[in-house]
Amino acid sequence: MKNHRRTENKKETELKMLYIENSKCRVLLTFFLVVQSIGSSLCFGQDFYPLQAGDVWQYKVTFQGDFNGYSTKQIIRDTLMPNGNRYFVFSNGAAERVTDSLVSYRYDSRNFDLDTSTAELVLNRFNSPIGTAWRSFEMQADPRGMIAKMEQSSSSVWFGEIVEMKLISYYTQSGLFGANNYYSKKHGLVYSALEGGASYELTGARIGGVVYGVITGIVNSHSKMPGGFSVANPYPNPFNSSTTIEYTLSEENVVSISVYGILGNLVKSLQPEKRSQGVYLVRWNLDDEAGRKLPSGVYFFRISSGRNGVIRKVLAIQ
């Protein structure tokens, strides 16, 4: 009986040692599970930037006041990169991680920031005091980065819950406004207002297996609009020299395609053309109307069919 009691005490001690608690997760693990679960079952998602394989976010996109469909991002897997860090890979190919100190990073295999000492880019510092600024590549429009600033910490209601919020603004190195991003402590990015009139509002998400709001048509690469019109996500994205976007028409209609810069400036457009039913591919070679190469940065496709339009964001990295 005494030996049995000592065995129980030993087990209880081991379990207490393996009781992991952070702001997002409370997980009771055995040693075997700790070894086997690194990279997937543990909660790597932290507070304002939840990251877990299978997570999905869907945003309603508006451009200059007009509804332009939905944009969806999804984490498809996690992986260990050559720099020794584990990242979560999104459907657009971006690989990101967040540390316990609430700093988020994106893996950078192309040395975008010209810094050979590291293979990742700083995105956000959610633990920064109000008024603090840092060099950020959240928008990734310039190899020098943008200037991010923690503007506000407050609370708001999302999906029927009161949640803590962080407002981070982004400016170019020359001081031009880029975007205001609102992050919820429970849901991640919930609203983004970009210069030029584009905005993204979170309407549904699946985070850690919990569904919030409504996710329409889970989850494919196309945004479907009325009238048999759908647009796929550009591929590749991010891209180096060219990217391709696919759209589908189930009936004949007039289609117009435009590309805008991050400040809302029109950089290239195609003459509206009547198209019959079918699937079409449009390739863009990162050039303007005159055929001149454009710099790295964030750009927006706007594809319209009749009265319907869809916005797709692309990231050029050279």
Protein backbone atom coordinates (compact mmCIF):
# COMPACT_ATOMS: atom_id res chain seq x y z
CA MET A 1 0.00 0.00 0.00
CA LYS A 2 2.83 2.39 0.89
CA ASN A 3 4.65 1.61 -2.34
CA HIS A 4 1.45 2.18 -4.29
CA ARG A 5 1.00 5.58 -2.61
CA ARG A 6 4.59 6.58 -3.40
CA THR A 7 3.97 5.65 -7.05
CA GLU A 8 0.86 7.86 -7.14
CA ASN A 9 2.74 10.77 -5.61
CA LYS A 10 5.49 10.36 -8.17
CA LYS A 11 2.96 10.41 -11.02
CA GLU A 12 1.24 13.49 -9.60
CA THR A 13 4.59 15.28 -9.35
CA GLU A 14 5.47 14.41 -12.96
CA LEU A 15 2.13 15.66 -14.21
CA LYS A 16 2.46 18.93 -12.30
CA MET A 17 5.92 19.45 -13.82
CA LEU A 18 4.38 18.98 -17.25
CA TYR A 19 1.44 21.28 -16.67
CA ILE A 20 1.93 24.07 -19.15
CA GLU A 21 -0.03 27.26 -18.84
CA ASN A 22 0.09 30.36 -21.00
CA SER A 23 -2.40 33.04 -21.94
CA LYS A 24 -3.92 30.92 -24.68
CA CYS A 25 -3.64 27.32 -23.54
CA ARG A 26 -3.88 25.06 -20.56
CA VAL A 27 -2.61 21.68 -21.57
CA LEU A 28 -1.92 18.62 -19.41
CA LEU A 29 0.76 16.51 -21.08
CA THR A 30 2.84 13.44 -20.42
CA PHE A 31 6.49 13.40 -21.43
CA PHE A 32 5.65 11.34 -24.50
CA LEU A 33 3.14 13.92 -25.71
CA VAL A 34 5.61 16.77 -25.16
CA VAL A 35 8.16 15.03 -27.37
CA GLN A 36 5.67 14.01 -30.05
CA SER A 37 3.62 17.20 -30.20
CA ILE A 38 6.24 19.90 -30.75
CA GLY A 39 5.12 21.86 -33.79
CA SER A 40 1.47 20.89 -33.99
CA SER A 41 -0.49 20.10 -30.82
CA LEU A 42 1.08 22.69 -28.57
CA CYS A 43 -0.43 26.14 -28.70
CA PHE A 44 2.14 28.26 -30.49
CA GLY A 45 -0.49 30.92 -31.19
CA GLN A 46 -0.07 33.77 -28.74
CA ASP A 47 -2.68 36.33 -27.79
CA PHE A 48 -3.03 38.80 -30.68
CA TYR A 49 -1.50 36.54 -33.33
CA PRO A 50 -2.98 33.03 -33.05
CA LEU A 51 -1.17 30.48 -35.19
CA GLN A 52 -2.18 26.85 -35.49
CA ALA A 53 -2.45 24.48 -38.44
CA GLY A 54 -6.02 24.50 -39.75
CA ASP A 55 -6.83 28.04 -38.63
CA VAL A 56 -8.89 30.05 -41.14
CA TRP A 57 -9.77 33.76 -41.38
CA GLN A 58 -12.27 35.20 -43.86
CA TYR A 59 -12.53 38.93 -44.55
CA LYS A 60 -15.10 41.04 -46.31
CA VAL A 61 -13.26 43.25 -48.78
CA THR A 62 -14.40 46.72 -49.77
CA PHE A 63 -12.66 49.04 -52.20
CA GLN A 64 -13.53 52.72 -52.24
CA GLY A 65 -16.84 51.91 -50.56
CA ASP A 66 -17.90 49.05 -52.85
CA PHE A 67 -18.22 45.43 -51.74
CA ASN A 68 -15.59 43.33 -53.53
CA GLY A 69 -16.16 39.82 -52.26
CA TYR A 70 -14.26 37.87 -49.64
CA SER A 71 -10.61 37.13 -49.02
CA THR A 72 -9.59 34.00 -47.10
CA LYS A 73 -6.31 33.03 -45.51
CA GLN A 74 -5.61 29.63 -44.00
CA ILE A 75 -2.74 27.94 -42.19
CA ILE A 76 -2.09 24.65 -43.94
CA ARG A 77 0.81 23.23 -41.93
CA ASP A 78 3.78 23.94 -39.69
CA THR A 79 7.39 23.28 -40.60
CA LEU A 80 10.94 23.60 -39.31
CA MET A 81 13.01 26.01 -41.42
CA PRO A 82 16.81 25.91 -41.97
CA ASN A 83 17.32 28.68 -39.40
CA GLY A 84 16.09 26.29 -36.70
CA ASN A 85 12.76 28.03 -36.03
CA ARG A 86 9.34 26.49 -36.51
CA TYR A 87 6.89 28.43 -38.70
CA PHE A 88 3.25 28.12 -39.70
CA VAL A 89 2.74 28.11 -43.45
CA PHE A 90 -0.23 29.97 -44.97
CA SER A 91 -2.05 29.03 -48.16
CA ASN A 92 -0.27 31.89 -49.99
CA GLY A 93 3.12 30.42 -49.10
CA ALA A 94 4.06 32.88 -46.35
CA ALA A 95 5.60 31.25 -43.26
CA GLU A 96 5.20 33.03 -39.93
CA ARG A 97 5.84 32.51 -36.23
CA VAL A 98 5.25 34.36 -32.98
CA THR A 99 7.37 34.28 -29.85
CA ASP A 100 6.35 34.13 -26.20
CA SER A 101 7.21 37.84 -26.00
CA LEU A 102 4.52 38.50 -28.65
CA VAL A 103 6.84 39.42 -31.52
CA SER A 104 5.73 38.03 -34.89
CA TYR A 105 8.11 37.14 -37.71
CA ARG A 106 7.91 36.06 -41.36
CA TYR A 107 10.49 33.67 -42.81
CA ASP A 108 12.67 35.41 -45.40
CA SER A 109 14.58 33.04 -47.69
CA ARG A 110 15.28 35.76 -50.29
CA ASN A 111 16.98 38.23 -47.94
CA PHE A 112 14.37 40.88 -48.75
CA ASP A 113 15.64 43.29 -46.10
CA LEU A 114 19.27 42.94 -47.29
CA ASP A 115 20.23 41.71 -43.82
CA THR A 116 22.30 38.54 -44.11
CA SER A 117 22.50 38.05 -40.36
CA THR A 118 18.95 36.70 -40.12
CA ALA A 119 16.49 34.81 -42.32
CA GLU A 120 13.32 36.40 -41.02
CA LEU A 121 11.50 39.72 -40.99
CA VAL A 122 9.92 41.45 -37.99
CA LEU A 123 6.20 42.05 -38.45
CA ASN A 124 4.64 43.25 -35.20
CA ARG A 125 5.60 43.79 -31.57
CA PHE A 126 2.33 43.35 -29.70
CA ASN A 127 3.95 43.90 -26.31
CA SER A 128 5.17 47.41 -27.21
CA PRO A 129 4.01 50.36 -25.08
CA ILE A 130 1.72 52.96 -26.66
CA GLY A 131 3.71 55.32 -28.86
CA THR A 132 6.53 52.87 -29.54
CA ALA A 133 7.68 52.55 -33.16
CA TRP A 134 9.70 49.82 -34.88
CA ARG A 135 10.85 48.72 -38.31
CA SER A 136 8.17 46.40 -39.70
CA PHE A 137 7.74 44.27 -42.81
CA GLU A 138 4.02 43.57 -42.26
CA MET A 139 3.28 45.42 -45.51
CA GLN A 140 6.65 44.44 -47.05
CA ALA A 141 6.58 47.28 -49.56
CA ASP A 142 10.18 48.41 -49.21
CA PRO A 143 13.47 46.61 -48.43
CA ARG A 144 13.99 49.28 -45.76
CA GLY A 145 10.74 48.23 -44.13
CA MET A 146 7.92 50.46 -42.97
CA ILE A 147 7.53 52.33 -39.71
CA ALA A 148 5.03 50.58 -37.45
CA LYS A 149 3.69 52.29 -34.35
CA MET A 150 1.59 51.04 -31.46
CA GLU A 151 -1.20 53.60 -31.49
CA GLN A 152 -3.80 52.35 -29.04
CA SER A 153 -4.76 49.61 -26.62
CA SER A 154 -8.48 49.35 -25.91
CA SER A 155 -11.41 46.93 -25.87
CA SER A 156 -14.17 46.24 -28.36
CA VAL A 157 -16.85 43.68 -29.17
CA TRP A 158 -16.18 41.01 -31.78
CA PHE A 159 -18.44 38.01 -32.33
CA GLY A 160 -20.44 38.93 -29.23
CA GLU A 161 -17.47 39.07 -26.86
CA ILE A 162 -15.59 41.95 -25.29
CA VAL A 163 -11.95 41.54 -26.29
CA GLU A 164 -8.75 43.51 -25.83
CA MET A 165 -7.62 45.32 -28.97
CA LYS A 166 -4.38 46.74 -30.34
CA LEU A 167 -4.22 49.38 -33.08
CA ILE A 168 -0.99 49.45 -35.09
CA SER A 169 -0.35 51.99 -37.86
CA TYR A 170 2.10 51.60 -40.74
CA TYR A 171 3.87 54.37 -42.63
CA THR A 172 6.43 54.38 -45.40
CA GLN A 173 9.95 55.55 -44.63
CA SER A 174 9.06 58.86 -46.28
CA GLY A 175 6.10 59.29 -43.91
CA LEU A 176 3.20 58.34 -46.18
CA PHE A 177 0.32 56.49 -44.52
CA GLY A 178 0.05 52.81 -45.37
CA ALA A 179 -2.56 51.17 -43.15
CA ASN A 180 -4.25 50.89 -39.77
CA ASN A 181 -4.52 47.33 -38.47
CA TYR A 182 -6.74 46.33 -35.55
CA TYR A 183 -5.83 43.13 -33.73
CA SER A 184 -8.05 41.26 -31.27
CA LYS A 185 -6.44 39.34 -28.44
CA LYS A 186 -8.59 36.34 -29.30
CA HIS A 187 -8.97 36.49 -33.08
CA GLY A 188 -5.86 38.11 -34.54
CA LEU A 189 -6.32 40.70 -37.29
CA VAL A 190 -9.97 41.76 -37.35
CA TYR A 191 -9.91 44.95 -39.41
CA SER A 192 -7.47 46.61 -41.79
CA ALA A 193 -7.93 50.01 -43.43
CA LEU A 194 -5.43 50.67 -46.21
CA GLU A 195 -4.48 53.87 -47.97
CA GLY A 196 -6.34 54.10 -51.27
CA GLY A 197 -9.73 53.04 -49.95
CA ALA A 198 -9.39 49.27 -49.48
CA SER A 199 -10.47 47.62 -46.22
CA TYR A 200 -10.63 44.09 -44.82
CA GLU A 201 -13.16 43.20 -42.09
CA LEU A 202 -13.15 39.81 -40.39
CA THR A 203 -16.53 38.12 -40.80
CA GLY A 204 -15.65 34.58 -39.80
CA ALA A 205 -12.78 32.51 -38.46
CA ARG A 206 -11.85 29.05 -37.26
CA ILE A 207 -9.15 29.33 -34.61
CA GLY A 208 -7.95 26.35 -32.62
CA GLY A 209 -10.99 24.40 -33.81
CA VAL A 210 -13.47 27.03 -32.58
CA VAL A 211 -15.62 28.77 -35.22
CA TYR A 212 -16.42 32.47 -34.88
CA GLY A 213 -18.95 34.29 -37.04
CA VAL A 214 -19.75 32.89 -40.48
CA ILE A 215 -17.28 31.47 -42.99
CA THR A 216 -18.92 31.38 -46.40
CA GLY A 217 -18.19 28.33 -48.50
CA ILE A 218 -15.33 26.94 -46.36
CA VAL A 219 -12.63 27.23 -47.61
CA ASN A 220 -11.55 27.26 -51.20
CA SER A 221 -9.23 29.50 -53.17
CA HIS A 222 -12.03 31.27 -55.04
CA SER A 223 -14.26 34.17 -54.04
CA LYS A 224 -17.67 33.52 -55.56
CA MET A 225 -19.94 36.36 -56.55
CA PRO A 226 -23.48 36.45 -57.91
CA GLY A 227 -23.88 35.86 -61.63
CA GLY A 228 -21.56 32.86 -61.89
CA PHE A 229 -18.33 34.81 -61.38
CA SER A 230 -15.43 33.58 -59.23
CA VAL A 231 -11.80 34.59 -58.79
CA ALA A 232 -8.96 32.43 -57.48
CA ASN A 233 -6.05 33.58 -55.36
CA PRO A 234 -3.06 34.74 -57.43
CA TYR A 235 -0.21 32.27 -57.74
CA PRO A 236 2.57 32.48 -56.84
CA ASN A 237 2.04 34.99 -54.04
CA PRO A 238 4.43 36.39 -52.91
CA PHE A 239 6.04 36.49 -56.36
CA ASN A 240 9.27 37.63 -57.93
CA SER A 241 8.81 38.52 -61.59
CA SER A 242 5.24 37.52 -62.48
CA THR A 243 2.03 36.17 -60.97
CA THR A 244 -1.09 34.62 -62.49
CA ILE A 245 -4.70 35.02 -61.45
CA GLU A 246 -7.55 32.77 -62.59
CA TYR A 247 -11.21 33.72 -62.94
CA THR A 248 -14.26 31.77 -64.02
CA LEU A 249 -17.40 32.88 -65.84
CA SER A 250 -20.48 30.67 -66.00
CA GLU A 251 -22.12 33.07 -68.45
CA GLU A 252 -21.01 35.68 -70.96
CA ASN A 253 -20.14 39.05 -69.46
CA VAL A 254 -17.87 42.07 -69.75
CA VAL A 255 -14.67 41.72 -67.70
CA SER A 256 -12.27 44.48 -66.68
CA ILE A 257 -8.99 44.06 -64.80
CA SER A 258 -6.98 46.74 -63.00
CA VAL A 259 -3.89 46.74 -60.79
CA TYR A 260 -3.45 49.33 -58.03
CA GLY A 261 -0.53 50.29 -55.82
CA ILE A 262 -0.70 50.36 -52.04
CA LEU A 263 -1.61 54.06 -52.09
CA GLY A 264 -4.59 53.43 -54.36
CA ASN A 265 -2.85 54.64 -57.54
CA LEU A 266 -3.76 52.83 -60.74
CA VAL A 267 -0.64 51.22 -62.20
CA LYS A 268 -2.09 49.13 -65.02
CA SER A 269 -5.48 48.28 -66.52
CA LEU A 270 -6.82 46.10 -69.29
CA GLN A 271 -9.49 47.32 -71.67
CA PRO A 272 -12.92 45.95 -70.66
CA GLU A 273 -13.70 42.99 -72.89
CA LYS A 274 -16.70 40.74 -73.41
CA ARG A 275 -15.87 37.16 -72.46
CA SER A 276 -17.85 33.99 -73.04
CA GLN A 277 -18.38 31.24 -70.47
CA GLY A 278 -15.13 29.60 -69.37
CA VAL A 279 -11.98 29.74 -67.26
CA TYR A 280 -9.37 32.45 -67.93
CA LEU A 281 -5.82 33.08 -66.77
CA VAL A 282 -4.29 36.55 -66.53
CA ARG A 283 -0.55 36.95 -66.06
CA TRP A 284 0.99 40.15 -64.69
CA ASN A 285 4.71 40.79 -65.09
CA LEU A 286 5.03 43.51 -62.42
CA ASP A 287 4.93 46.29 -65.00
CA ASP A 288 2.95 49.49 -65.53
CA GLU A 289 1.03 50.77 -68.54
CA ALA A 290 4.27 51.74 -70.29
CA GLY A 291 5.86 48.33 -69.68
CA ARG A 292 8.24 49.65 -67.03
CA LYS A 293 9.15 47.34 -64.15
CA LEU A 294 7.63 48.28 -60.80
CA PRO A 295 9.36 48.02 -57.41
CA SER A 296 8.71 45.42 -54.74
CA GLY A 297 5.64 46.02 -52.65
CA VAL A 298 1.94 45.37 -52.11
CA TYR A 299 -0.42 45.59 -55.10
CA PHE A 300 -4.13 44.94 -55.61
CA PHE A 301 -5.88 43.20 -58.50
CA ARG A 302 -9.44 44.35 -59.10
CA ILE A 303 -11.38 42.08 -61.44
CA SER A 304 -14.93 43.10 -62.35
CA SER A 305 -17.61 41.21 -64.20
CA GLY A 306 -20.73 43.24 -64.85
CA ARG A 307 -21.66 44.79 -61.49
CA ASN A 308 -19.57 42.38 -59.46
CA GLY A 309 -15.96 42.92 -58.44
CA VAL A 310 -13.27 41.08 -56.48
CA ILE A 311 -10.07 42.41 -54.92
CA ARG A 312 -6.95 40.26 -54.61
CA LYS A 313 -3.82 41.41 -52.78
CA VAL A 314 -0.38 40.36 -54.08
CA LEU A 315 3.10 40.88 -52.74
CA ALA A 316 6.04 41.44 -55.10
CA ILE A 317 9.51 40.58 -53.77
CA GLN A 318 12.58 41.12 -55.94
